[in-house]
Amino acid sequence: MAGMLSPQAIDGLLADAEAAGTAIDGPDGLLARMTKAVLERALDVEIADHLGYETGDPAGIGSGNSRNGHGRKTVHTTAGPVELEVPRDRNGSFEPLIVPKRKRRLGNVEDMILSL
């Protein structure tokens, strides 16, 4: 991640978290919030790819399938538990890849449990 974000961007995130009194780790910490934001953005991209159009695009009118709100799902990540808003489609045919249906653990947590 350090290679993806400039040191100034990381410093800005840390300064904002400190000013807001947000811890770096923990359920409401900076890492959990960043994990939530990245996963939800990836899910939004996945459903747009699945449906073939972006949110609000007139191409979706009469397409036979459209967005149908969000469902809540808590997943356990290396940053701790994260509650996600997972997008749905009307036909129920959307199968996310980043956070698969019925999967509650992401990342190395599952590997660690298996090794024990």
PDB file of N, CA and C in Angstrom:
ATOM      1  N   MET A   1       0.829  -1.190   0.000  1.00  0.00           N
ATOM      2  CA  MET A   1       0.000   0.000   0.000  1.00  0.00           C
ATOM      3  C   MET A   1       0.873   1.253   0.000  1.00  0.00           C
ATOM      4  N   ALA A   2       2.012   1.155   0.674  1.00  0.00           N
ATOM      5  CA  ALA A   2       2.879   2.326   0.747  1.00  0.00           C
ATOM      6  C   ALA A   2       3.320   2.770  -0.644  1.00  0.00           C
ATOM      7  N   GLY A   3       3.494   1.813  -1.553  1.00  0.00           N
ATOM      8  CA  GLY A   3       3.868   2.160  -2.906  1.00  0.00           C
ATOM      9  C   GLY A   3       2.727   2.772  -3.698  1.00  0.00           C
ATOM     10  N   MET A   4       1.501   2.524  -3.263  1.00  0.00           N
ATOM     11  CA  MET A   4       0.326   3.035  -3.966  1.00  0.00           C
ATOM     12  C   MET A   4      -0.057   4.430  -3.497  1.00  0.00           C
ATOM     13  N   LEU A   5       0.217   4.728  -2.245  1.00  0.00           N
ATOM     14  CA  LEU A   5      -0.088   6.048  -1.694  1.00  0.00           C
ATOM     15  C   LEU A   5       1.208   6.784  -1.412  1.00  0.00           C
ATOM     16  N   SER A   6       1.206   8.068  -1.685  1.00  0.00           N
ATOM     17  CA  SER A   6       2.397   8.856  -1.401  1.00  0.00           C
ATOM     18  C   SER A   6       2.545   9.021   0.118  1.00  0.00           C
ATOM     19  N   PRO A   7       3.762   9.253   0.594  1.00  0.00           N
ATOM     20  CA  PRO A   7       3.949   9.498   2.023  1.00  0.00           C
ATOM     21  C   PRO A   7       3.091  10.663   2.528  1.00  0.00           C
ATOM     22  N   GLN A   8       2.886  11.662   1.669  1.00  0.00           N
ATOM     23  CA  GLN A   8       2.066  12.812   2.067  1.00  0.00           C
ATOM     24  C   GLN A   8       0.605  12.398   2.250  1.00  0.00           C
ATOM     25  N   ALA A   9       0.111  11.518   1.376  1.00  0.00           N
ATOM     26  CA  ALA A   9      -1.275  11.049   1.502  1.00  0.00           C
ATOM     27  C   ALA A   9      -1.446  10.249   2.784  1.00  0.00           C
ATOM     28  N   ILE A  10      -0.476   9.386   3.096  1.00  0.00           N
ATOM     29  CA  ILE A  10      -0.532   8.599   4.328  1.00  0.00           C
ATOM     30  C   ILE A  10      -0.459   9.513   5.540  1.00  0.00           C
ATOM     31  N   ASP A  11       0.436  10.499   5.502  1.00  0.00           N
ATOM     32  CA  ASP A  11       0.542  11.461   6.600  1.00  0.00           C
ATOM     33  C   ASP A  11      -0.770  12.210   6.797  1.00  0.00           C
ATOM     34  N   GLY A  12      -1.424  12.562   5.676  1.00  0.00           N
ATOM     35  CA  GLY A  12      -2.712  13.256   5.763  1.00  0.00           C
ATOM     36  C   GLY A  12      -3.784  12.387   6.400  1.00  0.00           C
ATOM     37  N   LEU A  13      -3.836  11.110   6.014  1.00  0.00           N
ATOM     38  CA  LEU A  13      -4.804  10.185   6.616  1.00  0.00           C
ATOM     39  C   LEU A  13      -4.564  10.033   8.113  1.00  0.00           C
ATOM     40  N   LEU A  14      -3.306   9.872   8.493  1.00  0.00           N
ATOM     41  CA  LEU A  14      -2.976   9.721   9.911  1.00  0.00           C
ATOM     42  C   LEU A  14      -3.289  10.991  10.697  1.00  0.00           C
ATOM     43  N   ALA A  15      -2.992  12.151  10.118  1.00  0.00           N
ATOM     44  CA  ALA A  15      -3.280  13.423  10.788  1.00  0.00           C
ATOM     45  C   ALA A  15      -4.786  13.616  10.956  1.00  0.00           C
ATOM     46  N   ASP A  16      -5.562  13.280   9.918  1.00  0.00           N
ATOM     47  CA  ASP A  16      -7.023  13.398  10.015  1.00  0.00           C
ATOM     48  C   ASP A  16      -7.579  12.459  11.078  1.00  0.00           C
ATOM     49  N   ALA A  17      -7.055  11.232  11.130  1.00  0.00           N
ATOM     50  CA  ALA A  17      -7.510  10.264  12.129  1.00  0.00           C
ATOM     51  C   ALA A  17      -7.177  10.751  13.535  1.00  0.00           C
ATOM     52  N   GLU A  18      -5.972  11.288  13.704  1.00  0.00           N
ATOM     53  CA  GLU A  18      -5.574  11.795  15.021  1.00  0.00           C
ATOM     54  C   GLU A  18      -6.430  12.990  15.433  1.00  0.00           C
ATOM     55  N   ALA A  19      -6.694  13.897  14.502  1.00  0.00           N
ATOM     56  CA  ALA A  19      -7.518  15.073  14.806  1.00  0.00           C
ATOM     57  C   ALA A  19      -8.939  14.681  15.174  1.00  0.00           C
ATOM     58  N   ALA A  20      -9.445  13.614  14.567  1.00  0.00           N
ATOM     59  CA  ALA A  20     -10.812  13.154  14.860  1.00  0.00           C
ATOM     60  C   ALA A  20     -10.861  12.230  16.061  1.00  0.00           C
ATOM     61  N   GLY A  21      -9.694  11.874  16.602  1.00  0.00           N
ATOM     62  CA  GLY A  21      -9.655  10.957  17.737  1.00  0.00           C
ATOM     63  C   GLY A  21      -9.911   9.513  17.340  1.00  0.00           C
ATOM     64  N   THR A  22      -9.635   9.179  16.090  1.00  0.00           N
ATOM     65  CA  THR A  22      -9.854   7.828  15.576  1.00  0.00           C
ATOM     66  C   THR A  22      -8.579   7.012  15.745  1.00  0.00           C
ATOM     67  N   ALA A  23      -8.722   5.831  16.319  1.00  0.00           N
ATOM     68  CA  ALA A  23      -7.577   4.938  16.462  1.00  0.00           C
ATOM     69  C   ALA A  23      -7.176   4.398  15.098  1.00  0.00           C
ATOM     70  N   ILE A  24      -5.967   3.897  14.985  1.00  0.00           N
ATOM     71  CA  ILE A  24      -5.513   3.323  13.726  1.00  0.00           C
ATOM     72  C   ILE A  24      -6.118   1.939  13.531  1.00  0.00           C
ATOM     73  N   ASP A  25      -6.149   1.147  14.607  1.00  0.00           N
ATOM     74  CA  ASP A  25      -6.727  -0.193  14.503  1.00  0.00           C
ATOM     75  C   ASP A  25      -7.992  -0.283  15.346  1.00  0.00           C
ATOM     76  N   GLY A  26      -8.608  -1.462  15.344  1.00  0.00           N
ATOM     77  CA  GLY A  26      -9.849  -1.652  16.088  1.00  0.00           C
ATOM     78  C   GLY A  26     -11.053  -1.564  15.173  1.00  0.00           C
ATOM     79  N   PRO A  27     -12.233  -1.894  15.706  1.00  0.00           N
ATOM     80  CA  PRO A  27     -13.433  -1.970  14.874  1.00  0.00           C
ATOM     81  C   PRO A  27     -13.839  -0.650  14.218  1.00  0.00           C
ATOM     82  N   ASP A  28     -13.572   0.475  14.849  1.00  0.00           N
ATOM     83  CA  ASP A  28     -13.902   1.776  14.265  1.00  0.00           C
ATOM     84  C   ASP A  28     -12.653   2.547  13.872  1.00  0.00           C
ATOM     85  N   GLY A  29     -11.546   1.839  13.741  1.00  0.00           N
ATOM     86  CA  GLY A  29     -10.280   2.476  13.442  1.00  0.00           C
ATOM     87  C   GLY A  29     -10.101   2.805  11.975  1.00  0.00           C
ATOM     88  N   LEU A  30      -9.025   3.503  11.706  1.00  0.00           N
ATOM     89  CA  LEU A  30      -8.699   3.953  10.353  1.00  0.00           C
ATOM     90  C   LEU A  30      -8.572   2.778   9.383  1.00  0.00           C
ATOM     91  N   LEU A  31      -7.892   1.708   9.797  1.00  0.00           N
ATOM     92  CA  LEU A  31      -7.702   0.566   8.906  1.00  0.00           C
ATOM     93  C   LEU A  31      -9.025  -0.111   8.554  1.00  0.00           C
ATOM     94  N   ALA A  32      -9.913  -0.255   9.544  1.00  0.00           N
ATOM     95  CA  ALA A  32     -11.222  -0.868   9.282  1.00  0.00           C
ATOM     96  C   ALA A  32     -12.052   0.017   8.348  1.00  0.00           C
ATOM     97  N   ARG A  33     -11.997   1.324   8.543  1.00  0.00           N
ATOM     98  CA  ARG A  33     -12.750   2.241   7.684  1.00  0.00           C
ATOM     99  C   ARG A  33     -12.223   2.241   6.253  1.00  0.00           C
ATOM    100  N   MET A  34     -10.900   2.166   6.107  1.00  0.00           N
ATOM    101  CA  MET A  34     -10.315   2.114   4.773  1.00  0.00           C
ATOM    102  C   MET A  34     -10.664   0.790   4.090  1.00  0.00           C
ATOM    103  N   THR A  35     -10.631  -0.298   4.859  1.00  0.00           N
ATOM    104  CA  THR A  35     -10.996  -1.607   4.317  1.00  0.00           C
ATOM    105  C   THR A  35     -12.435  -1.590   3.832  1.00  0.00           C
ATOM    106  N   LYS A  36     -13.335  -1.019   4.635  1.00  0.00           N
ATOM    107  CA  LYS A  36     -14.752  -0.916   4.267  1.00  0.00           C
ATOM    108  C   LYS A  36     -14.913  -0.101   2.983  1.00  0.00           C
ATOM    109  N   ALA A  37     -14.247   1.039   2.903  1.00  0.00           N
ATOM    110  CA  ALA A  37     -14.367   1.909   1.731  1.00  0.00           C
ATOM    111  C   ALA A  37     -13.866   1.215   0.465  1.00  0.00           C
ATOM    112  N   VAL A  38     -12.740   0.526   0.569  1.00  0.00           N
ATOM    113  CA  VAL A  38     -12.174  -0.147  -0.604  1.00  0.00           C
ATOM    114  C   VAL A  38     -13.069  -1.304  -1.047  1.00  0.00           C
ATOM    115  N   LEU A  39     -13.543  -2.116  -0.097  1.00  0.00           N
ATOM    116  CA  LEU A  39     -14.400  -3.258  -0.452  1.00  0.00           C
ATOM    117  C   LEU A  39     -15.727  -2.800  -1.052  1.00  0.00           C
ATOM    118  N   GLU A  40     -16.346  -1.765  -0.474  1.00  0.00           N
ATOM    119  CA  GLU A  40     -17.620  -1.278  -1.009  1.00  0.00           C
ATOM    120  C   GLU A  40     -17.437  -0.666  -2.392  1.00  0.00           C
ATOM    121  N   ARG A  41     -16.341   0.017  -2.629  1.00  0.00           N
ATOM    122  CA  ARG A  41     -16.084   0.570  -3.964  1.00  0.00           C
ATOM    123  C   ARG A  41     -15.884  -0.554  -4.970  1.00  0.00           C
ATOM    124  N   ALA A  42     -15.157  -1.600  -4.579  1.00  0.00           N
ATOM    125  CA  ALA A  42     -14.950  -2.749  -5.465  1.00  0.00           C
ATOM    126  C   ALA A  42     -16.278  -3.436  -5.776  1.00  0.00           C
ATOM    127  N   LEU A  43     -17.160  -3.546  -4.790  1.00  0.00           N
ATOM    128  CA  LEU A  43     -18.482  -4.142  -5.016  1.00  0.00           C
ATOM    129  C   LEU A  43     -19.307  -3.292  -5.979  1.00  0.00           C
ATOM    130  N   ASP A  44     -19.219  -1.969  -5.845  1.00  0.00           N
ATOM    131  CA  ASP A  44     -19.940  -1.079  -6.767  1.00  0.00           C
ATOM    132  C   ASP A  44     -19.440  -1.246  -8.200  1.00  0.00           C
ATOM    133  N   VAL A  45     -18.136  -1.401  -8.357  1.00  0.00           N
ATOM    134  CA  VAL A  45     -17.563  -1.618  -9.690  1.00  0.00           C
ATOM    135  C   VAL A  45     -18.017  -2.969 -10.246  1.00  0.00           C
ATOM    136  N   GLU A  46     -18.047  -3.980  -9.374  1.00  0.00           N
ATOM    137  CA  GLU A  46     -18.474  -5.312  -9.815  1.00  0.00           C
ATOM    138  C   GLU A  46     -19.923  -5.323 -10.302  1.00  0.00           C
ATOM    139  N   ILE A  47     -20.831  -4.660  -9.573  1.00  0.00           N
ATOM    140  CA  ILE A  47     -22.231  -4.687 -10.003  1.00  0.00           C
ATOM    141  C   ILE A  47     -22.418  -3.859 -11.269  1.00  0.00           C
ATOM    142  N   ALA A  48     -21.659  -2.782 -11.414  1.00  0.00           N
ATOM    143  CA  ALA A  48     -21.741  -1.997 -12.656  1.00  0.00           C
ATOM    144  C   ALA A  48     -21.286  -2.848 -13.839  1.00  0.00           C
ATOM    145  N   ASP A  49     -20.249  -3.639 -13.633  1.00  0.00           N
ATOM    146  CA  ASP A  49     -19.774  -4.530 -14.692  1.00  0.00           C
ATOM    147  C   ASP A  49     -20.808  -5.623 -14.974  1.00  0.00           C
ATOM    148  N   HIS A  50     -21.417  -6.154 -13.937  1.00  0.00           N
ATOM    149  CA  HIS A  50     -22.430  -7.206 -14.083  1.00  0.00           C
ATOM    150  C   HIS A  50     -23.650  -6.694 -14.850  1.00  0.00           C
ATOM    151  N   LEU A  51     -24.108  -5.487 -14.502  1.00  0.00           N
ATOM    152  CA  LEU A  51     -25.307  -4.932 -15.134  1.00  0.00           C
ATOM    153  C   LEU A  51     -25.009  -4.300 -16.492  1.00  0.00           C
ATOM    154  N   GLY A  52     -23.781  -3.864 -16.693  1.00  0.00           N
ATOM    155  CA  GLY A  52     -23.405  -3.260 -17.967  1.00  0.00           C
ATOM    156  C   GLY A  52     -23.628  -1.767 -18.036  1.00  0.00           C
ATOM    157  N   TYR A  53     -23.908  -1.136 -16.909  1.00  0.00           N
ATOM    158  CA  TYR A  53     -24.074   0.317 -16.892  1.00  0.00           C
ATOM    159  C   TYR A  53     -23.806   0.851 -15.487  1.00  0.00           C
ATOM    160  N   GLU A  54     -23.432   2.133 -15.421  1.00  0.00           N
ATOM    161  CA  GLU A  54     -23.140   2.789 -14.154  1.00  0.00           C
ATOM    162  C   GLU A  54     -24.429   3.275 -13.484  1.00  0.00           C
ATOM    163  N   THR A  55     -24.340   3.588 -12.212  1.00  0.00           N
ATOM    164  CA  THR A  55     -25.477   4.131 -11.474  1.00  0.00           C
ATOM    165  C   THR A  55     -25.988   5.400 -12.141  1.00  0.00           C
ATOM    166  N   GLY A  56     -27.289   5.478 -12.365  1.00  0.00           N
ATOM    167  CA  GLY A  56     -27.901   6.658 -12.949  1.00  0.00           C
ATOM    168  C   GLY A  56     -27.810   6.748 -14.456  1.00  0.00           C
ATOM    169  N   ASP A  57     -27.174   5.796 -15.099  1.00  0.00           N
ATOM    170  CA  ASP A  57     -27.029   5.809 -16.552  1.00  0.00           C
ATOM    171  C   ASP A  57     -28.367   5.446 -17.203  1.00  0.00           C
ATOM    172  N   PRO A  58     -28.862   6.252 -18.147  1.00  0.00           N
ATOM    173  CA  PRO A  58     -30.128   5.942 -18.811  1.00  0.00           C
ATOM    174  C   PRO A  58     -30.114   4.613 -19.570  1.00  0.00           C
ATOM    175  N   ALA A  59     -28.935   4.055 -19.829  1.00  0.00           N
ATOM    176  CA  ALA A  59     -28.840   2.775 -20.531  1.00  0.00           C
ATOM    177  C   ALA A  59     -29.477   1.650 -19.723  1.00  0.00           C
ATOM    178  N   GLY A  60     -29.627   1.852 -18.419  1.00  0.00           N
ATOM    179  CA  GLY A  60     -30.218   0.820 -17.569  1.00  0.00           C
ATOM    180  C   GLY A  60     -31.727   0.761 -17.620  1.00  0.00           C
ATOM    181  N   ILE A  61     -32.368   1.778 -18.181  1.00  0.00           N
ATOM    182  CA  ILE A  61     -33.829   1.810 -18.250  1.00  0.00           C
ATOM    183  C   ILE A  61     -34.303   0.736 -19.219  1.00  0.00           C
ATOM    184  N   GLY A  62     -35.153  -0.144 -18.731  1.00  0.00           N
ATOM    185  CA  GLY A  62     -35.692  -1.214 -19.566  1.00  0.00           C
ATOM    186  C   GLY A  62     -34.689  -2.308 -19.883  1.00  0.00           C
ATOM    187  N   SER A  63     -33.608  -2.398 -19.105  1.00  0.00           N
ATOM    188  CA  SER A  63     -32.564  -3.390 -19.385  1.00  0.00           C
ATOM    189  C   SER A  63     -32.940  -4.797 -18.932  1.00  0.00           C
ATOM    190  N   GLY A  64     -33.990  -4.915 -18.130  1.00  0.00           N
ATOM    191  CA  GLY A  64     -34.389  -6.228 -17.645  1.00  0.00           C
ATOM    192  C   GLY A  64     -33.802  -6.570 -16.293  1.00  0.00           C
ATOM    193  N   ASN A  65     -32.789  -5.852 -15.868  1.00  0.00           N
ATOM    194  CA  ASN A  65     -32.194  -6.047 -14.547  1.00  0.00           C
ATOM    195  C   ASN A  65     -31.663  -4.703 -14.086  1.00  0.00           C
ATOM    196  N   SER A  66     -31.821  -4.407 -12.816  1.00  0.00           N
ATOM    197  CA  SER A  66     -31.345  -3.130 -12.297  1.00  0.00           C
ATOM    198  C   SER A  66     -30.929  -3.294 -10.847  1.00  0.00           C
ATOM    199  N   ARG A  67     -30.327  -2.254 -10.321  1.00  0.00           N
ATOM    200  CA  ARG A  67     -29.918  -2.264  -8.915  1.00  0.00           C
ATOM    201  C   ARG A  67     -31.159  -2.337  -8.038  1.00  0.00           C
ATOM    202  N   ASN A  68     -31.005  -2.988  -6.889  1.00  0.00           N
ATOM    203  CA  ASN A  68     -32.127  -3.160  -5.975  1.00  0.00           C
ATOM    204  C   ASN A  68     -31.661  -2.958  -4.542  1.00  0.00           C
ATOM    205  N   GLY A  69     -31.039  -1.827  -4.289  1.00  0.00           N
ATOM    206  CA  GLY A  69     -30.614  -1.501  -2.937  1.00  0.00           C
ATOM    207  C   GLY A  69     -29.361  -2.243  -2.513  1.00  0.00           C
ATOM    208  N   HIS A  70     -29.214  -2.334  -1.202  1.00  0.00           N
ATOM    209  CA  HIS A  70     -28.036  -2.963  -0.607  1.00  0.00           C
ATOM    210  C   HIS A  70     -28.466  -3.877   0.530  1.00  0.00           C
ATOM    211  N   GLY A  71     -27.673  -4.887   0.769  1.00  0.00           N
ATOM    212  CA  GLY A  71     -27.828  -5.739   1.937  1.00  0.00           C
ATOM    213  C   GLY A  71     -26.642  -5.519   2.857  1.00  0.00           C
ATOM    214  N   ARG A  72     -26.837  -5.762   4.134  1.00  0.00           N
ATOM    215  CA  ARG A  72     -25.736  -5.605   5.089  1.00  0.00           C
ATOM    216  C   ARG A  72     -25.084  -6.955   5.335  1.00  0.00           C
ATOM    217  N   LYS A  73     -23.767  -6.910   5.483  1.00  0.00           N
ATOM    218  CA  LYS A  73     -23.012  -8.129   5.705  1.00  0.00           C
ATOM    219  C   LYS A  73     -21.784  -7.780   6.526  1.00  0.00           C
ATOM    220  N   THR A  74     -21.525  -8.523   7.583  1.00  0.00           N
ATOM    221  CA  THR A  74     -20.324  -8.326   8.374  1.00  0.00           C
ATOM    222  C   THR A  74     -19.310  -9.382   7.974  1.00  0.00           C
ATOM    223  N   VAL A  75     -18.129  -8.935   7.600  1.00  0.00           N
ATOM    224  CA  VAL A  75     -17.045  -9.847   7.248  1.00  0.00           C
ATOM    225  C   VAL A  75     -15.881  -9.614   8.205  1.00  0.00           C
ATOM    226  N   HIS A  76     -15.167 -10.678   8.487  1.00  0.00           N
ATOM    227  CA  HIS A  76     -14.000 -10.596   9.359  1.00  0.00           C
ATOM    228  C   HIS A  76     -12.768 -10.508   8.477  1.00  0.00           C
ATOM    229  N   THR A  77     -12.025  -9.430   8.638  1.00  0.00           N
ATOM    230  CA  THR A  77     -10.831  -9.181   7.838  1.00  0.00           C
ATOM    231  C   THR A  77      -9.621  -9.116   8.755  1.00  0.00           C
ATOM    232  N   THR A  78      -8.461  -8.962   8.177  1.00  0.00           N
ATOM    233  CA  THR A  78      -7.256  -8.809   8.983  1.00  0.00           C
ATOM    234  C   THR A  78      -7.287  -7.507   9.778  1.00  0.00           C
ATOM    235  N   ALA A  79      -8.133  -6.558   9.387  1.00  0.00           N
ATOM    236  CA  ALA A  79      -8.288  -5.296  10.117  1.00  0.00           C
ATOM    237  C   ALA A  79      -9.388  -5.392  11.172  1.00  0.00           C
ATOM    238  N   GLY A  80     -10.028  -6.559  11.298  1.00  0.00           N
ATOM    239  CA  GLY A  80     -11.117  -6.744  12.246  1.00  0.00           C
ATOM    240  C   GLY A  80     -12.439  -6.867  11.507  1.00  0.00           C
ATOM    241  N   PRO A  81     -13.551  -6.975  12.262  1.00  0.00           N
ATOM    242  CA  PRO A  81     -14.855  -7.097  11.609  1.00  0.00           C
ATOM    243  C   PRO A  81     -15.249  -5.790  10.916  1.00  0.00           C
ATOM    244  N   VAL A  82     -15.789  -5.927   9.709  1.00  0.00           N
ATOM    245  CA  VAL A  82     -16.194  -4.770   8.913  1.00  0.00           C
ATOM    246  C   VAL A  82     -17.606  -5.017   8.409  1.00  0.00           C
ATOM    247  N   GLU A  83     -18.509  -4.056   8.665  1.00  0.00           N
ATOM    248  CA  GLU A  83     -19.878  -4.168   8.159  1.00  0.00           C
ATOM    249  C   GLU A  83     -19.956  -3.498   6.797  1.00  0.00           C
ATOM    250  N   LEU A  84     -20.370  -4.282   5.790  1.00  0.00           N
ATOM    251  CA  LEU A  84     -20.423  -3.796   4.419  1.00  0.00           C
ATOM    252  C   LEU A  84     -21.850  -3.613   3.940  1.00  0.00           C
ATOM    253  N   GLU A  85     -22.024  -2.701   3.002  1.00  0.00           N
ATOM    254  CA  GLU A  85     -23.272  -2.529   2.269  1.00  0.00           C
ATOM    255  C   GLU A  85     -23.055  -3.185   0.906  1.00  0.00           C
ATOM    256  N   VAL A  86     -23.619  -4.368   0.712  1.00  0.00           N
ATOM    257  CA  VAL A  86     -23.414  -5.137  -0.511  1.00  0.00           C
ATOM    258  C   VAL A  86     -24.566  -4.855  -1.477  1.00  0.00           C
ATOM    259  N   PRO A  87     -24.264  -4.393  -2.702  1.00  0.00           N
ATOM    260  CA  PRO A  87     -25.335  -4.080  -3.661  1.00  0.00           C
ATOM    261  C   PRO A  87     -26.056  -5.345  -4.134  1.00  0.00           C
ATOM    262  N   ARG A  88     -27.346  -5.163  -4.456  1.00  0.00           N
ATOM    263  CA  ARG A  88     -28.162  -6.264  -4.980  1.00  0.00           C
ATOM    264  C   ARG A  88     -28.715  -5.862  -6.333  1.00  0.00           C
ATOM    265  N   ASP A  89     -29.116  -6.882  -7.100  1.00  0.00           N
ATOM    266  CA  ASP A  89     -29.821  -6.617  -8.352  1.00  0.00           C
ATOM    267  C   ASP A  89     -31.196  -7.286  -8.283  1.00  0.00           C
ATOM    268  N   ARG A  90     -32.120  -6.811  -9.096  1.00  0.00           N
ATOM    269  CA  ARG A  90     -33.501  -7.294  -9.054  1.00  0.00           C
ATOM    270  C   ARG A  90     -33.630  -8.776  -9.383  1.00  0.00           C
ATOM    271  N   ASN A  91     -32.817  -9.258 -10.309  1.00  0.00           N
ATOM    272  CA  ASN A  91     -32.911 -10.663 -10.709  1.00  0.00           C
ATOM    273  C   ASN A  91     -32.208 -11.611  -9.744  1.00  0.00           C
ATOM    274  N   GLY A  92     -31.422 -11.078  -8.820  1.00  0.00           N
ATOM    275  CA  GLY A  92     -30.690 -11.918  -7.884  1.00  0.00           C
ATOM    276  C   GLY A  92     -29.557 -12.693  -8.530  1.00  0.00           C
ATOM    277  N   SER A  93     -29.080 -12.228  -9.673  1.00  0.00           N
ATOM    278  CA  SER A  93     -28.037 -12.946 -10.400  1.00  0.00           C
ATOM    279  C   SER A  93     -26.631 -12.406 -10.120  1.00  0.00           C
ATOM    280  N   PHE A  94     -26.522 -11.349  -9.316  1.00  0.00           N
ATOM    281  CA  PHE A  94     -25.219 -10.756  -9.024  1.00  0.00           C
ATOM    282  C   PHE A  94     -24.466 -11.631  -8.024  1.00  0.00           C
ATOM    283  N   GLU A  95     -23.314 -12.133  -8.436  1.00  0.00           N
ATOM    284  CA  GLU A  95     -22.441 -12.962  -7.595  1.00  0.00           C
ATOM    285  C   GLU A  95     -21.110 -12.229  -7.428  1.00  0.00           C
ATOM    286  N   PRO A  96     -20.951 -11.463  -6.344  1.00  0.00           N
ATOM    287  CA  PRO A  96     -19.703 -10.708  -6.168  1.00  0.00           C
ATOM    288  C   PRO A  96     -18.496 -11.628  -6.028  1.00  0.00           C
ATOM    289  N   LEU A  97     -17.367 -11.192  -6.555  1.00  0.00           N
ATOM    290  CA  LEU A  97     -16.127 -11.956  -6.463  1.00  0.00           C
ATOM    291  C   LEU A  97     -15.260 -11.493  -5.302  1.00  0.00           C
ATOM    292  N   ILE A  98     -15.256 -10.192  -5.031  1.00  0.00           N
ATOM    293  CA  ILE A  98     -14.389  -9.650  -3.987  1.00  0.00           C
ATOM    294  C   ILE A  98     -14.848 -10.105  -2.600  1.00  0.00           C
ATOM    295  N   VAL A  99     -16.162 -10.186  -2.403  1.00  0.00           N
ATOM    296  CA  VAL A  99     -16.746 -10.682  -1.157  1.00  0.00           C
ATOM    297  C   VAL A  99     -17.847 -11.663  -1.557  1.00  0.00           C
ATOM    298  N   PRO A 100     -17.484 -12.921  -1.788  1.00  0.00           N
ATOM    299  CA  PRO A 100     -18.473 -13.891  -2.284  1.00  0.00           C
ATOM    300  C   PRO A 100     -19.654 -14.078  -1.334  1.00  0.00           C
ATOM    301  N   LYS A 101     -20.785 -14.452  -1.911  1.00  0.00           N
ATOM    302  CA  LYS A 101     -21.963 -14.735  -1.098  1.00  0.00           C
ATOM    303  C   LYS A 101     -21.637 -15.840  -0.099  1.00  0.00           C
ATOM    304  N   ARG A 102     -22.204 -15.739   1.074  1.00  0.00           N
ATOM    305  CA  ARG A 102     -22.072 -16.705   2.164  1.00  0.00           C
ATOM    306  C   ARG A 102     -20.666 -16.806   2.742  1.00  0.00           C
ATOM    307  N   LYS A 103     -19.762 -15.950   2.335  1.00  0.00           N
ATOM    308  CA  LYS A 103     -18.411 -15.957   2.895  1.00  0.00           C
ATOM    309  C   LYS A 103     -18.308 -14.855   3.933  1.00  0.00           C
ATOM    310  N   ARG A 104     -17.845 -15.196   5.121  1.00  0.00           N
ATOM    311  CA  ARG A 104     -17.783 -14.236   6.227  1.00  0.00           C
ATOM    312  C   ARG A 104     -16.362 -13.863   6.637  1.00  0.00           C
ATOM    313  N   ARG A 105     -15.384 -14.586   6.129  1.00  0.00           N
ATOM    314  CA  ARG A 105     -13.987 -14.298   6.480  1.00  0.00           C
ATOM    315  C   ARG A 105     -13.205 -13.979   5.211  1.00  0.00           C
ATOM    316  N   LEU A 106     -12.428 -12.910   5.290  1.00  0.00           N
ATOM    317  CA  LEU A 106     -11.592 -12.512   4.156  1.00  0.00           C
ATOM    318  C   LEU A 106     -10.149 -12.426   4.611  1.00  0.00           C
ATOM    319  N   GLY A 107      -9.249 -12.686   3.704  1.00  0.00           N
ATOM    320  CA  GLY A 107      -7.837 -12.502   3.995  1.00  0.00           C
ATOM    321  C   GLY A 107      -7.219 -13.660   4.731  1.00  0.00           C
ATOM    322  N   ASN A 108      -6.203 -13.364   5.506  1.00  0.00           N
ATOM    323  CA  ASN A 108      -5.393 -14.380   6.161  1.00  0.00           C
ATOM    324  C   ASN A 108      -6.039 -14.974   7.404  1.00  0.00           C
ATOM    325  N   VAL A 109      -7.158 -14.450   7.862  1.00  0.00           N
ATOM    326  CA  VAL A 109      -7.803 -14.966   9.066  1.00  0.00           C
ATOM    327  C   VAL A 109      -8.167 -16.430   8.868  1.00  0.00           C
ATOM    328  N   GLU A 110      -8.749 -16.750   7.722  1.00  0.00           N
ATOM    329  CA  GLU A 110      -9.155 -18.125   7.440  1.00  0.00           C
ATOM    330  C   GLU A 110      -7.939 -19.051   7.389  1.00  0.00           C
ATOM    331  N   ASP A 111      -6.858 -18.618   6.768  1.00  0.00           N
ATOM    332  CA  ASP A 111      -5.643 -19.427   6.684  1.00  0.00           C
ATOM    333  C   ASP A 111      -5.060 -19.674   8.070  1.00  0.00           C
ATOM    334  N   MET A 112      -5.110 -18.648   8.933  1.00  0.00           N
ATOM    335  CA  MET A 112      -4.576 -18.775  10.275  1.00  0.00           C
ATOM    336  C   MET A 112      -5.377 -19.809  11.075  1.00  0.00           C
ATOM    337  N   ILE A 113      -6.698 -19.777  10.954  1.00  0.00           N
ATOM    338  CA  ILE A 113      -7.551 -20.726  11.679  1.00  0.00           C
ATOM    339  C   ILE A 113      -7.272 -22.147  11.215  1.00  0.00           C
ATOM    340  N   LEU A 114      -7.141 -22.332   9.900  1.00  0.00           N
ATOM    341  CA  LEU A 114      -6.862 -23.669   9.368  1.00  0.00           C
ATOM    342  C   LEU A 114      -5.525 -24.198   9.849  1.00  0.00           C
ATOM    343  N   SER A 115      -4.530 -23.335   9.986  1.00  0.00           N
ATOM    344  CA  SER A 115      -3.207 -23.776  10.416  1.00  0.00           C
ATOM    345  C   SER A 115      -3.192 -24.172  11.887  1.00  0.00           C
ATOM    346  N   LEU A 116      -4.121 -23.643  12.685  1.00  0.00           N
ATOM    347  CA  LEU A 116      -4.186 -24.009  14.103  1.00  0.00           C
ATOM    348  C   LEU A 116      -4.756 -25.399  14.266  1.00  0.00           C
TER     349      LEU A 116
END
